[in-house]
Amino acid sequence: MTEGHDGARAVNPVRGVHRLAVLTAAATFLLLFVGGLVTSTGSGLAVPDWPLSFGRFFPPMIGGVLFEHGHRMMATPYITLHFAHRIGALFVALAVVATAAVAGRRHGGDDRLVRPALLALALLVLQITLGGATIWSSRAVPATTSHLVVGAALLATSLTLTLRASRFVGWRRPARATAGPGRHPFP
């Protein structure tokens, strides 16, 4: 934030993109971690259909009581882990869309921010498609591997957008001192 001529604080418009990009990158990293747990625990087909869960948005609530549902979900950690990955994917999808929308609306002319935001959107669509293909193919190696690779590319793109936006919010390193007699080359 900077001081305006009237003493009021002006908001740096890039700060919103930066914060959303940080949130998106962090959420994508956590989702990749949970996805690794899904794969390593064999939970990949704990919910055998996609995009629904056993034909519903939420896995069935046996007993009809939230406590009972929570108990059964914890009794079947594979379903819980798999469903957590799906909910995390929904959160990441919303974060990517929000980041791209803010980058496009506030910085439509700045390709340094818009291009990675649009690439993240394209990778998101591909990632969702590959997630469904992974389930539909009963975790075939090409679909599962592609799902992992595109997830990593989405993380790299989110980090790129985060770093590019951080350059505009005042996170600059101090200027380096020039080396000379009696001067240390680093600040």
N, C-alpha and C. Protein backbone atom coordinates (compact mmCIF):
# COMPACT_ATOMS: atom_id res chain seq x y z
N MET A 1 0.84 -1.18 0.00
CA MET A 1 0.00 0.00 0.00
C MET A 1 0.88 1.23 0.00
N THR A 2 0.40 2.25 -0.63
CA THR A 2 1.13 3.51 -0.72
C THR A 2 0.25 4.63 -0.24
N GLU A 3 0.88 5.73 0.10
CA GLU A 3 0.15 6.91 0.54
C GLU A 3 -0.27 7.72 -0.68
N GLY A 4 -1.53 8.09 -0.73
CA GLY A 4 -2.02 8.96 -1.79
C GLY A 4 -1.71 10.41 -1.46
N HIS A 5 -2.01 11.32 -2.39
CA HIS A 5 -1.73 12.74 -2.15
C HIS A 5 -2.59 13.32 -1.04
N ASP A 6 -3.73 12.68 -0.76
CA ASP A 6 -4.59 13.17 0.30
C ASP A 6 -4.35 12.45 1.63
N GLY A 7 -3.31 11.61 1.70
CA GLY A 7 -3.00 10.91 2.93
C GLY A 7 -3.70 9.57 3.06
N ALA A 8 -4.66 9.29 2.18
CA ALA A 8 -5.37 8.01 2.24
C ALA A 8 -4.47 6.93 1.65
N ARG A 9 -4.62 5.72 2.13
CA ARG A 9 -3.83 4.61 1.62
C ARG A 9 -4.45 4.09 0.33
N ALA A 10 -3.62 3.96 -0.69
CA ALA A 10 -4.06 3.39 -1.95
C ALA A 10 -3.72 1.90 -1.94
N VAL A 11 -4.64 1.09 -2.40
CA VAL A 11 -4.44 -0.35 -2.41
C VAL A 11 -3.71 -0.74 -3.69
N ASN A 12 -2.68 -1.55 -3.55
CA ASN A 12 -1.95 -2.05 -4.70
C ASN A 12 -2.82 -3.11 -5.37
N PRO A 13 -3.25 -2.90 -6.63
CA PRO A 13 -4.16 -3.84 -7.28
C PRO A 13 -3.55 -5.21 -7.51
N VAL A 14 -2.23 -5.33 -7.54
CA VAL A 14 -1.59 -6.62 -7.76
C VAL A 14 -1.64 -7.47 -6.49
N ARG A 15 -1.78 -6.83 -5.35
CA ARG A 15 -1.79 -7.56 -4.09
C ARG A 15 -2.90 -8.62 -4.07
N GLY A 16 -4.07 -8.31 -4.63
CA GLY A 16 -5.16 -9.29 -4.67
C GLY A 16 -4.82 -10.50 -5.50
N VAL A 17 -4.19 -10.28 -6.66
CA VAL A 17 -3.76 -11.39 -7.50
C VAL A 17 -2.70 -12.20 -6.78
N HIS A 18 -1.78 -11.50 -6.12
CA HIS A 18 -0.71 -12.20 -5.40
C HIS A 18 -1.27 -13.08 -4.29
N ARG A 19 -2.17 -12.53 -3.52
CA ARG A 19 -2.75 -13.32 -2.41
C ARG A 19 -3.51 -14.53 -2.94
N LEU A 20 -4.29 -14.35 -3.99
CA LEU A 20 -5.01 -15.48 -4.58
C LEU A 20 -4.04 -16.50 -5.16
N ALA A 21 -2.96 -16.04 -5.78
CA ALA A 21 -1.97 -16.96 -6.34
C ALA A 21 -1.28 -17.75 -5.25
N VAL A 22 -0.97 -17.11 -4.13
CA VAL A 22 -0.37 -17.82 -2.99
C VAL A 22 -1.34 -18.87 -2.47
N LEU A 23 -2.59 -18.49 -2.31
CA LEU A 23 -3.61 -19.43 -1.84
C LEU A 23 -3.75 -20.61 -2.81
N THR A 24 -3.77 -20.31 -4.10
CA THR A 24 -3.90 -21.36 -5.12
C THR A 24 -2.71 -22.30 -5.10
N ALA A 25 -1.51 -21.74 -5.02
CA ALA A 25 -0.30 -22.58 -4.99
C ALA A 25 -0.27 -23.46 -3.74
N ALA A 26 -0.61 -22.89 -2.58
CA ALA A 26 -0.61 -23.67 -1.34
C ALA A 26 -1.67 -24.77 -1.38
N ALA A 27 -2.86 -24.44 -1.87
CA ALA A 27 -3.93 -25.44 -1.95
C ALA A 27 -3.56 -26.54 -2.95
N THR A 28 -2.92 -26.16 -4.05
CA THR A 28 -2.51 -27.15 -5.04
C THR A 28 -1.44 -28.07 -4.46
N PHE A 29 -0.51 -27.52 -3.71
CA PHE A 29 0.52 -28.34 -3.06
C PHE A 29 -0.12 -29.34 -2.10
N LEU A 30 -1.04 -28.86 -1.27
CA LEU A 30 -1.73 -29.76 -0.33
C LEU A 30 -2.53 -30.84 -1.07
N LEU A 31 -3.16 -30.45 -2.17
CA LEU A 31 -3.93 -31.41 -2.95
C LEU A 31 -3.02 -32.48 -3.56
N LEU A 32 -1.84 -32.08 -4.02
CA LEU A 32 -0.89 -33.07 -4.54
C LEU A 32 -0.45 -34.02 -3.43
N PHE A 33 -0.28 -33.51 -2.23
CA PHE A 33 0.09 -34.35 -1.09
C PHE A 33 -1.03 -35.36 -0.80
N VAL A 34 -2.26 -34.88 -0.73
CA VAL A 34 -3.39 -35.77 -0.48
C VAL A 34 -3.55 -36.77 -1.63
N GLY A 35 -3.33 -36.32 -2.86
CA GLY A 35 -3.38 -37.22 -4.00
C GLY A 35 -2.34 -38.32 -3.89
N GLY A 36 -1.15 -37.98 -3.38
CA GLY A 36 -0.13 -38.98 -3.14
C GLY A 36 -0.56 -39.99 -2.09
N LEU A 37 -1.25 -39.50 -1.06
CA LEU A 37 -1.79 -40.42 -0.05
C LEU A 37 -2.86 -41.34 -0.64
N VAL A 38 -3.71 -40.78 -1.49
CA VAL A 38 -4.75 -41.58 -2.14
C VAL A 38 -4.09 -42.72 -2.93
N THR A 39 -3.06 -42.38 -3.68
CA THR A 39 -2.38 -43.39 -4.49
C THR A 39 -1.64 -44.41 -3.63
N SER A 40 -0.88 -43.93 -2.64
CA SER A 40 -0.04 -44.84 -1.86
C SER A 40 -0.83 -45.75 -0.92
N THR A 41 -2.03 -45.34 -0.54
CA THR A 41 -2.85 -46.18 0.34
C THR A 41 -3.81 -47.07 -0.44
N GLY A 42 -3.82 -46.94 -1.75
CA GLY A 42 -4.73 -47.74 -2.56
C GLY A 42 -6.17 -47.26 -2.49
N SER A 43 -6.35 -45.98 -2.18
CA SER A 43 -7.70 -45.42 -2.04
C SER A 43 -8.25 -44.89 -3.36
N GLY A 44 -7.52 -45.05 -4.44
CA GLY A 44 -7.90 -44.47 -5.71
C GLY A 44 -9.25 -44.89 -6.23
N LEU A 45 -9.67 -46.10 -5.94
CA LEU A 45 -10.99 -46.57 -6.38
C LEU A 45 -11.92 -46.84 -5.22
N ALA A 46 -11.65 -46.21 -4.07
CA ALA A 46 -12.54 -46.38 -2.92
C ALA A 46 -13.94 -45.84 -3.24
N VAL A 47 -13.98 -44.83 -4.08
CA VAL A 47 -15.24 -44.32 -4.62
C VAL A 47 -15.19 -44.64 -6.11
N PRO A 48 -15.95 -45.63 -6.56
CA PRO A 48 -15.76 -46.18 -7.90
C PRO A 48 -16.37 -45.40 -9.06
N ASP A 49 -17.08 -44.31 -8.79
CA ASP A 49 -17.67 -43.55 -9.88
C ASP A 49 -17.23 -42.09 -9.79
N TRP A 50 -17.38 -41.40 -10.92
CA TRP A 50 -17.00 -40.00 -10.99
C TRP A 50 -17.89 -39.34 -12.02
N PRO A 51 -18.41 -38.18 -11.82
CA PRO A 51 -18.09 -37.20 -10.79
C PRO A 51 -18.84 -37.39 -9.49
N LEU A 52 -19.78 -38.30 -9.43
CA LEU A 52 -20.52 -38.52 -8.19
C LEU A 52 -19.79 -39.52 -7.30
N SER A 53 -20.32 -39.69 -6.09
CA SER A 53 -19.77 -40.64 -5.13
C SER A 53 -20.87 -41.64 -4.79
N PHE A 54 -20.75 -42.83 -5.33
CA PHE A 54 -21.77 -43.85 -5.17
C PHE A 54 -23.13 -43.34 -5.67
N GLY A 55 -23.10 -42.59 -6.77
CA GLY A 55 -24.31 -42.08 -7.37
C GLY A 55 -24.86 -40.82 -6.72
N ARG A 56 -24.16 -40.26 -5.75
CA ARG A 56 -24.59 -39.04 -5.04
C ARG A 56 -23.45 -38.04 -5.00
N PHE A 57 -23.78 -36.81 -4.60
CA PHE A 57 -22.72 -35.82 -4.46
C PHE A 57 -21.82 -36.17 -3.28
N PHE A 58 -22.44 -36.56 -2.15
CA PHE A 58 -21.71 -37.03 -0.98
C PHE A 58 -21.86 -38.53 -0.87
N PRO A 59 -20.87 -39.22 -0.34
CA PRO A 59 -21.07 -40.65 -0.11
C PRO A 59 -22.30 -40.87 0.77
N PRO A 60 -22.98 -42.01 0.64
CA PRO A 60 -24.24 -42.22 1.37
C PRO A 60 -24.07 -42.10 2.88
N MET A 61 -25.06 -41.45 3.49
CA MET A 61 -25.08 -41.29 4.95
C MET A 61 -25.89 -42.44 5.54
N ILE A 62 -25.23 -43.51 5.82
CA ILE A 62 -25.90 -44.67 6.40
C ILE A 62 -26.28 -44.34 7.83
N GLY A 63 -27.53 -44.54 8.18
CA GLY A 63 -28.00 -44.21 9.51
C GLY A 63 -28.68 -42.85 9.57
N GLY A 64 -28.40 -41.98 8.59
CA GLY A 64 -29.09 -40.70 8.49
C GLY A 64 -28.69 -39.67 9.53
N VAL A 65 -27.71 -39.94 10.36
CA VAL A 65 -27.29 -39.00 11.39
C VAL A 65 -25.84 -38.59 11.10
N LEU A 66 -25.55 -37.33 11.23
CA LEU A 66 -24.22 -36.84 10.90
C LEU A 66 -23.15 -37.54 11.74
N PHE A 67 -23.42 -37.77 13.02
CA PHE A 67 -22.44 -38.45 13.86
C PHE A 67 -22.19 -39.86 13.34
N GLU A 68 -23.26 -40.53 12.98
CA GLU A 68 -23.14 -41.89 12.44
C GLU A 68 -22.37 -41.85 11.12
N HIS A 69 -22.65 -40.86 10.30
CA HIS A 69 -21.96 -40.72 9.02
C HIS A 69 -20.47 -40.50 9.27
N GLY A 70 -20.15 -39.60 10.18
CA GLY A 70 -18.75 -39.33 10.51
C GLY A 70 -18.06 -40.57 11.03
N HIS A 71 -18.74 -41.34 11.85
CA HIS A 71 -18.18 -42.58 12.40
C HIS A 71 -17.89 -43.57 11.27
N ARG A 72 -18.84 -43.73 10.37
CA ARG A 72 -18.64 -44.68 9.27
C ARG A 72 -17.56 -44.19 8.31
N MET A 73 -17.47 -42.88 8.11
CA MET A 73 -16.43 -42.35 7.22
C MET A 73 -15.06 -42.61 7.83
N MET A 74 -14.93 -42.46 9.14
CA MET A 74 -13.65 -42.71 9.77
C MET A 74 -13.36 -44.21 9.84
N ALA A 75 -14.40 -45.01 9.87
CA ALA A 75 -14.21 -46.46 9.87
C ALA A 75 -13.75 -46.94 8.49
N THR A 76 -14.00 -46.15 7.46
CA THR A 76 -13.53 -46.48 6.11
C THR A 76 -12.63 -45.34 5.64
N PRO A 77 -11.38 -45.33 6.09
CA PRO A 77 -10.50 -44.20 5.77
C PRO A 77 -10.22 -44.06 4.28
N TYR A 78 -10.37 -45.13 3.51
CA TYR A 78 -10.10 -45.03 2.08
C TYR A 78 -11.11 -44.12 1.41
N ILE A 79 -12.38 -44.27 1.77
CA ILE A 79 -13.42 -43.40 1.21
C ILE A 79 -13.19 -41.96 1.68
N THR A 80 -12.85 -41.80 2.95
CA THR A 80 -12.62 -40.47 3.50
C THR A 80 -11.48 -39.78 2.76
N LEU A 81 -10.39 -40.49 2.56
CA LEU A 81 -9.24 -39.91 1.88
C LEU A 81 -9.56 -39.57 0.44
N HIS A 82 -10.23 -40.47 -0.23
CA HIS A 82 -10.60 -40.24 -1.62
C HIS A 82 -11.55 -39.03 -1.73
N PHE A 83 -12.53 -38.97 -0.84
CA PHE A 83 -13.48 -37.86 -0.88
C PHE A 83 -12.81 -36.54 -0.51
N ALA A 84 -11.84 -36.59 0.42
CA ALA A 84 -11.10 -35.38 0.78
C ALA A 84 -10.33 -34.86 -0.44
N HIS A 85 -9.81 -35.77 -1.25
CA HIS A 85 -9.11 -35.36 -2.47
C HIS A 85 -10.08 -34.67 -3.43
N ARG A 86 -11.29 -35.18 -3.52
CA ARG A 86 -12.29 -34.55 -4.41
C ARG A 86 -12.70 -33.18 -3.90
N ILE A 87 -12.91 -33.05 -2.61
CA ILE A 87 -13.28 -31.74 -2.04
C ILE A 87 -12.12 -30.76 -2.20
N GLY A 88 -10.90 -31.23 -1.98
CA GLY A 88 -9.72 -30.39 -2.19
C GLY A 88 -9.62 -29.93 -3.64
N ALA A 89 -9.93 -30.84 -4.57
CA ALA A 89 -9.90 -30.49 -5.99
C ALA A 89 -10.92 -29.41 -6.31
N LEU A 90 -12.08 -29.50 -5.68
CA LEU A 90 -13.10 -28.46 -5.87
C LEU A 90 -12.59 -27.11 -5.37
N PHE A 91 -11.95 -27.11 -4.21
CA PHE A 91 -11.40 -25.87 -3.65
C PHE A 91 -10.32 -25.30 -4.57
N VAL A 92 -9.42 -26.15 -5.07
CA VAL A 92 -8.36 -25.68 -5.97
C VAL A 92 -8.98 -25.13 -7.26
N ALA A 93 -10.00 -25.80 -7.78
CA ALA A 93 -10.66 -25.32 -9.00
C ALA A 93 -11.23 -23.93 -8.78
N LEU A 94 -11.90 -23.71 -7.67
CA LEU A 94 -12.46 -22.38 -7.38
C LEU A 94 -11.35 -21.35 -7.23
N ALA A 95 -10.24 -21.72 -6.60
CA ALA A 95 -9.11 -20.79 -6.42
C ALA A 95 -8.48 -20.43 -7.76
N VAL A 96 -8.31 -21.41 -8.65
CA VAL A 96 -7.73 -21.14 -9.97
C VAL A 96 -8.64 -20.21 -10.77
N VAL A 97 -9.93 -20.49 -10.75
CA VAL A 97 -10.88 -19.64 -11.49
C VAL A 97 -10.88 -18.22 -10.92
N ALA A 98 -10.87 -18.08 -9.60
CA ALA A 98 -10.86 -16.75 -8.98
C ALA A 98 -9.57 -16.00 -9.32
N THR A 99 -8.44 -16.69 -9.26
CA THR A 99 -7.17 -16.06 -9.59
C THR A 99 -7.14 -15.59 -11.04
N ALA A 100 -7.59 -16.43 -11.95
CA ALA A 100 -7.61 -16.06 -13.36
C ALA A 100 -8.57 -14.91 -13.61
N ALA A 101 -9.71 -14.91 -12.94
CA ALA A 101 -10.68 -13.83 -13.11
C ALA A 101 -10.12 -12.50 -12.64
N VAL A 102 -9.48 -12.50 -11.47
CA VAL A 102 -8.92 -11.25 -10.94
C VAL A 102 -7.75 -10.79 -11.81
N ALA A 103 -6.90 -11.73 -12.23
CA ALA A 103 -5.76 -11.35 -13.09
C ALA A 103 -6.26 -10.77 -14.41
N GLY A 104 -7.27 -11.39 -14.99
CA GLY A 104 -7.80 -10.91 -16.26
C GLY A 104 -8.51 -9.58 -16.14
N ARG A 105 -9.26 -9.40 -15.05
CA ARG A 105 -10.03 -8.17 -14.87
C ARG A 105 -9.13 -6.99 -14.52
N ARG A 106 -8.18 -7.20 -13.62
CA ARG A 106 -7.36 -6.08 -13.16
C ARG A 106 -6.10 -5.86 -13.99
N HIS A 107 -5.65 -6.90 -14.68
CA HIS A 107 -4.35 -6.81 -15.37
C HIS A 107 -4.44 -7.39 -16.78
N GLY A 108 -5.56 -7.14 -17.46
CA GLY A 108 -5.78 -7.70 -18.78
C GLY A 108 -4.70 -7.39 -19.79
N GLY A 109 -4.01 -6.28 -19.64
CA GLY A 109 -2.97 -5.92 -20.59
C GLY A 109 -1.59 -6.40 -20.21
N ASP A 110 -1.44 -7.01 -19.05
CA ASP A 110 -0.12 -7.45 -18.59
C ASP A 110 0.02 -8.96 -18.77
N ASP A 111 0.69 -9.34 -19.85
CA ASP A 111 0.85 -10.76 -20.17
C ASP A 111 1.63 -11.52 -19.11
N ARG A 112 2.47 -10.83 -18.34
CA ARG A 112 3.25 -11.51 -17.31
C ARG A 112 2.36 -12.14 -16.25
N LEU A 113 1.17 -11.60 -16.04
CA LEU A 113 0.24 -12.16 -15.07
C LEU A 113 -0.90 -12.93 -15.74
N VAL A 114 -1.34 -12.47 -16.88
CA VAL A 114 -2.49 -13.08 -17.53
C VAL A 114 -2.15 -14.44 -18.15
N ARG A 115 -0.99 -14.54 -18.78
CA ARG A 115 -0.63 -15.82 -19.43
C ARG A 115 -0.57 -16.99 -18.46
N PRO A 116 0.14 -16.87 -17.32
CA PRO A 116 0.12 -18.01 -16.41
C PRO A 116 -1.26 -18.28 -15.81
N ALA A 117 -2.06 -17.23 -15.65
CA ALA A 117 -3.42 -17.43 -15.13
C ALA A 117 -4.27 -18.21 -16.13
N LEU A 118 -4.14 -17.88 -17.42
CA LEU A 118 -4.88 -18.62 -18.45
C LEU A 118 -4.35 -20.04 -18.61
N LEU A 119 -3.03 -20.21 -18.49
CA LEU A 119 -2.45 -21.55 -18.55
C LEU A 119 -2.96 -22.39 -17.38
N ALA A 120 -3.07 -21.78 -16.20
CA ALA A 120 -3.61 -22.51 -15.04
C ALA A 120 -5.04 -22.96 -15.30
N LEU A 121 -5.84 -22.11 -15.94
CA LEU A 121 -7.22 -22.51 -16.28
C LEU A 121 -7.24 -23.70 -17.24
N ALA A 122 -6.39 -23.65 -18.26
CA ALA A 122 -6.34 -24.75 -19.22
C ALA A 122 -5.87 -26.04 -18.54
N LEU A 123 -4.85 -25.93 -17.69
CA LEU A 123 -4.37 -27.10 -16.97
C LEU A 123 -5.44 -27.65 -16.02
N LEU A 124 -6.23 -26.76 -15.44
CA LEU A 124 -7.31 -27.18 -14.55
C LEU A 124 -8.33 -28.04 -15.30
N VAL A 125 -8.74 -27.58 -16.47
CA VAL A 125 -9.70 -28.34 -17.28
C VAL A 125 -9.12 -29.71 -17.63
N LEU A 126 -7.86 -29.73 -18.05
CA LEU A 126 -7.20 -30.99 -18.37
C LEU A 126 -7.10 -31.89 -17.14
N GLN A 127 -6.76 -31.31 -16.01
CA GLN A 127 -6.61 -32.07 -14.77
C GLN A 127 -7.92 -32.70 -14.32
N ILE A 128 -9.01 -31.96 -14.42
CA ILE A 128 -10.32 -32.50 -14.06
C ILE A 128 -10.68 -33.65 -14.99
N THR A 129 -10.43 -33.48 -16.26
CA THR A 129 -10.70 -34.54 -17.24
C THR A 129 -9.88 -35.78 -16.94
N LEU A 130 -8.60 -35.60 -16.63
CA LEU A 130 -7.74 -36.73 -16.31
C LEU A 130 -8.13 -37.40 -15.00
N GLY A 131 -8.62 -36.61 -14.04
CA GLY A 131 -9.12 -37.20 -12.78
C GLY A 131 -10.27 -38.14 -13.05
N GLY A 132 -11.20 -37.71 -13.89
CA GLY A 132 -12.31 -38.58 -14.27
C GLY A 132 -11.83 -39.79 -15.05
N ALA A 133 -10.88 -39.58 -15.96
CA ALA A 133 -10.35 -40.70 -16.75
C ALA A 133 -9.63 -41.71 -15.87
N THR A 134 -9.00 -41.24 -14.82
CA THR A 134 -8.33 -42.15 -13.89
C THR A 134 -9.32 -43.09 -13.24
N ILE A 135 -10.47 -42.56 -12.83
CA ILE A 135 -11.50 -43.40 -12.20
C ILE A 135 -12.15 -44.30 -13.25
N TRP A 136 -12.53 -43.73 -14.39
CA TRP A 136 -13.24 -44.49 -15.43
C TRP A 136 -12.38 -45.63 -15.99
N SER A 137 -11.05 -45.43 -15.99
CA SER A 137 -10.17 -46.47 -16.54
C SER A 137 -9.67 -47.44 -15.46
N SER A 138 -10.24 -47.35 -14.26
CA SER A 138 -9.81 -48.18 -13.13
C SER A 138 -8.32 -48.00 -12.86
N ARG A 139 -7.90 -46.75 -12.87
CA ARG A 139 -6.54 -46.34 -12.55
C ARG A 139 -5.51 -46.88 -13.53
N ALA A 140 -5.82 -46.82 -14.80
CA ALA A 140 -4.84 -47.21 -15.82
C ALA A 140 -3.61 -46.32 -15.71
N VAL A 141 -2.46 -46.90 -15.98
CA VAL A 141 -1.19 -46.19 -15.78
C VAL A 141 -1.11 -44.89 -16.58
N PRO A 142 -1.46 -44.86 -17.87
CA PRO A 142 -1.35 -43.58 -18.59
C PRO A 142 -2.22 -42.47 -17.99
N ALA A 143 -3.44 -42.79 -17.62
CA ALA A 143 -4.33 -41.77 -17.04
C ALA A 143 -3.82 -41.31 -15.68
N THR A 144 -3.39 -42.25 -14.85
CA THR A 144 -2.91 -41.90 -13.50
C THR A 144 -1.63 -41.07 -13.58
N THR A 145 -0.71 -41.47 -14.45
CA THR A 145 0.55 -40.74 -14.59
C THR A 145 0.31 -39.35 -15.16
N SER A 146 -0.55 -39.25 -16.15
CA SER A 146 -0.87 -37.94 -16.74
C SER A 146 -1.52 -37.03 -15.70
N HIS A 147 -2.37 -37.60 -14.86
CA HIS A 147 -3.04 -36.84 -13.80
C HIS A 147 -1.98 -36.25 -12.85
N LEU A 148 -0.99 -37.03 -12.51
CA LEU A 148 0.09 -36.56 -11.63
C LEU A 148 0.91 -35.47 -12.31
N VAL A 149 1.29 -35.69 -13.56
CA VAL A 149 2.13 -34.73 -14.27
C VAL A 149 1.41 -33.39 -14.45
N VAL A 150 0.15 -33.43 -14.82
CA VAL A 150 -0.59 -32.18 -15.02
C VAL A 150 -0.80 -31.47 -13.67
N GLY A 151 -0.99 -32.24 -12.59
CA GLY A 151 -1.08 -31.63 -11.26
C GLY A 151 0.20 -30.89 -10.90
N ALA A 152 1.35 -31.50 -11.21
CA ALA A 152 2.63 -30.84 -10.95
C ALA A 152 2.79 -29.59 -11.83
N ALA A 153 2.34 -29.67 -13.07
CA ALA A 153 2.40 -28.50 -13.96
C ALA A 153 1.50 -27.37 -13.45
N LEU A 154 0.35 -27.73 -12.90
CA LEU A 154 -0.54 -26.71 -12.33
C LEU A 154 0.12 -26.05 -11.12
N LEU A 155 0.79 -26.84 -10.30
CA LEU A 155 1.52 -26.26 -9.16
C LEU A 155 2.62 -25.32 -9.65
N ALA A 156 3.39 -25.75 -10.64
CA ALA A 156 4.47 -24.90 -11.18
C ALA A 156 3.91 -23.61 -11.77
N THR A 157 2.79 -23.70 -12.45
CA THR A 157 2.17 -22.51 -13.03
C THR A 157 1.66 -21.57 -11.94
N SER A 158 1.07 -22.13 -10.90
CA SER A 158 0.61 -21.31 -9.77
C SER A 158 1.77 -20.62 -9.08
N LEU A 159 2.87 -21.34 -8.92
CA LEU A 159 4.06 -20.73 -8.31
C LEU A 159 4.65 -19.64 -9.20
N THR A 160 4.63 -19.85 -10.51
CA THR A 160 5.11 -18.83 -11.45
C THR A 160 4.27 -17.56 -11.33
N LEU A 161 2.96 -17.73 -11.29
CA LEU A 161 2.08 -16.56 -11.14
C LEU A 161 2.33 -15.87 -9.80
N THR A 162 2.52 -16.66 -8.75
CA THR A 162 2.80 -16.10 -7.42
C THR A 162 4.08 -15.26 -7.45
N LEU A 163 5.13 -15.82 -8.04
CA LEU A 163 6.40 -15.10 -8.08
C LEU A 163 6.32 -13.85 -8.96
N ARG A 164 5.64 -13.96 -10.07
CA ARG A 164 5.50 -12.78 -10.94
C ARG A 164 4.71 -11.68 -10.25
N ALA A 165 3.64 -12.04 -9.58
CA ALA A 165 2.83 -11.03 -8.88
C ALA A 165 3.60 -10.44 -7.70
N SER A 166 4.44 -11.23 -7.05
CA SER A 166 5.19 -10.72 -5.89
C SER A 166 6.16 -9.62 -6.29
N ARG A 167 6.59 -9.62 -7.54
CA ARG A 167 7.51 -8.58 -8.00
C ARG A 167 6.84 -7.21 -8.02
N PHE A 168 5.52 -7.19 -8.03
CA PHE A 168 4.79 -5.92 -8.14
C PHE A 168 4.21 -5.45 -6.81
N VAL A 169 4.39 -6.20 -5.73
CA VAL A 169 3.78 -5.80 -4.47
C VAL A 169 4.81 -5.28 -3.47
N GLY A 170 6.00 -4.96 -3.95
CA GLY A 170 6.98 -4.34 -3.07
C GLY A 170 7.91 -5.32 -2.39
N TRP A 171 7.96 -6.55 -2.84
CA TRP A 171 8.87 -7.55 -2.24
C TRP A 171 10.17 -7.56 -3.03
N ARG A 172 10.83 -6.45 -3.03
CA ARG A 172 12.09 -6.36 -3.78
C ARG A 172 13.25 -6.47 -2.82
N ARG A 173 14.31 -7.07 -3.31
CA ARG A 173 15.52 -7.15 -2.50
C ARG A 173 16.18 -5.78 -2.44
N PRO A 174 16.91 -5.52 -1.37
CA PRO A 174 17.64 -4.26 -1.32
C PRO A 174 18.72 -4.25 -2.41
N ALA A 175 19.04 -3.07 -2.86
CA ALA A 175 20.07 -2.94 -3.90
C ALA A 175 21.40 -3.44 -3.35
N ARG A 176 22.15 -4.09 -4.21
CA ARG A 176 23.45 -4.62 -3.81
C ARG A 176 24.47 -3.48 -3.80
N ALA A 177 25.33 -3.52 -2.83
CA ALA A 177 26.42 -2.55 -2.78
C ALA A 177 27.49 -2.99 -3.76
N THR A 178 28.08 -2.03 -4.42
CA THR A 178 29.16 -2.40 -5.33
C THR A 178 30.41 -2.70 -4.54
N ALA A 179 31.14 -3.67 -5.01
CA ALA A 179 32.38 -4.04 -4.31
C ALA A 179 33.43 -2.98 -4.60
N GLY A 180 34.18 -2.67 -3.63
CA GLY A 180 35.26 -1.70 -3.76
C GLY A 180 36.17 -1.84 -2.57
N PRO A 181 37.14 -1.01 -2.48
CA PRO A 181 38.06 -1.09 -1.34
C PRO A 181 37.30 -0.89 -0.03
N GLY A 182 37.39 -1.88 0.84
CA GLY A 182 36.76 -1.77 2.15
C GLY A 182 35.27 -2.03 2.15
N ARG A 183 34.71 -2.39 1.02
CA ARG A 183 33.26 -2.64 0.96
C ARG A 183 33.03 -4.10 0.71
N HIS A 184 32.08 -4.65 1.41
CA HIS A 184 31.70 -6.05 1.22
C HIS A 184 30.78 -6.13 0.02
N PRO A 185 30.93 -7.13 -0.85
CA PRO A 185 30.12 -7.16 -2.07
C PRO A 185 28.63 -7.49 -1.83
N PHE A 186 28.28 -7.92 -0.64
CA PHE A 186 26.88 -8.25 -0.36
C PHE A 186 26.35 -7.35 0.73
N PRO A 187 25.06 -6.95 0.64
CA PRO A 187 24.50 -6.06 1.67
C PRO A 187 24.33 -6.76 2.99
